[in-house]
Amino acid sequence: MNKTIALAAICLVSASSQAANWSTTALHLNNGDFKNPFTGQESNTTIASLQHASAYDYGDNFFFIDYINDATDDGYQDKDFYGEWYSTFSLSKISGNDMSYGAIADIGLTAGFNAAGDSKVLKYLPGVKVNWQAPGFTFLSTLVTAYIDDNDGIARGGAPIETNSWMLDVAWGYPFSIGSQKFNVTGHVEYIAERENEFGENVKAWILAQPIITWDLGHAMSMKENTLLLGLEWQYWHNKLGTDTTESVPQFHVEWTF
């Protein structure tokens, strides 16, 4: 699974970059003390994330793949991979008609999946995305999808099979300046509704928020803007992975756009 996810990410970057109207690819590095939700133990964790966004004639793509390694050898996030991919087909671009109305900039149909390495988790997320017109924001979107399970299950060495559910996600980007210095506030908040695993146990609904504030170091050093960013990411996860664990973790954040 790990090699499959990594190869898929490389292929998607290459294909999206060649066919895109615009594209951006970045490497994110984060470090913080995260909890194992199944044991409650905290461990210093480094996450390297390859992120890509692009737009083409009929819509847009977004994906990321995380390489996660913590300081505890406990079978949880030890040199593990996790990735998400979403492709949205713009109704305005497909129909040739302007779908904007009031604060709505566009509506799209989204197909996505989430995949994890060691736990062999696989979820499909078909849904609807709304892009909003919001003053000062580079983007503001809401995404509502199904959360369809295709896990391998305990019998095949993976995470338990789960019943299907649904997700709501809000994502944003907001740049601002203080004097001559440039900053960005980006991030997302997701809600995934409760479901039940193959043992009949309740998997609790969770809320995951990951806002990031960054300082444009590249601009400050008279380099190209939005290429080298330093900042802080805060992760708040209520009922982490459907358990009783709730964590609030500040992380050192570095972002380099290719």
Foldseek 3Di string as FASTA:
>chain_A
DQVVVVVVVVVCVVVQVVAFPDKWKKKKKKWWWDAPLVPRDTWIKIKIKIWMKTHHQFFIKIKMKIQMDTPDDDLPRHRWMKMKIKTWGWPCSVVVHQPDDDFWRTKTWMWMWIAIGQQGWIWIWTWMKTWTRDPQWPTKMKTKTKTCTDGPAVVVRHHFTKHIWIKIKIWTKGWDDDVQWIKIKTWMKMWIQWIATPVRDIQHIKIKTKIWMWTFVCVVVVHDTPAKIWTKIWIWMCCVRSHRDTDIIIITMIMGMD
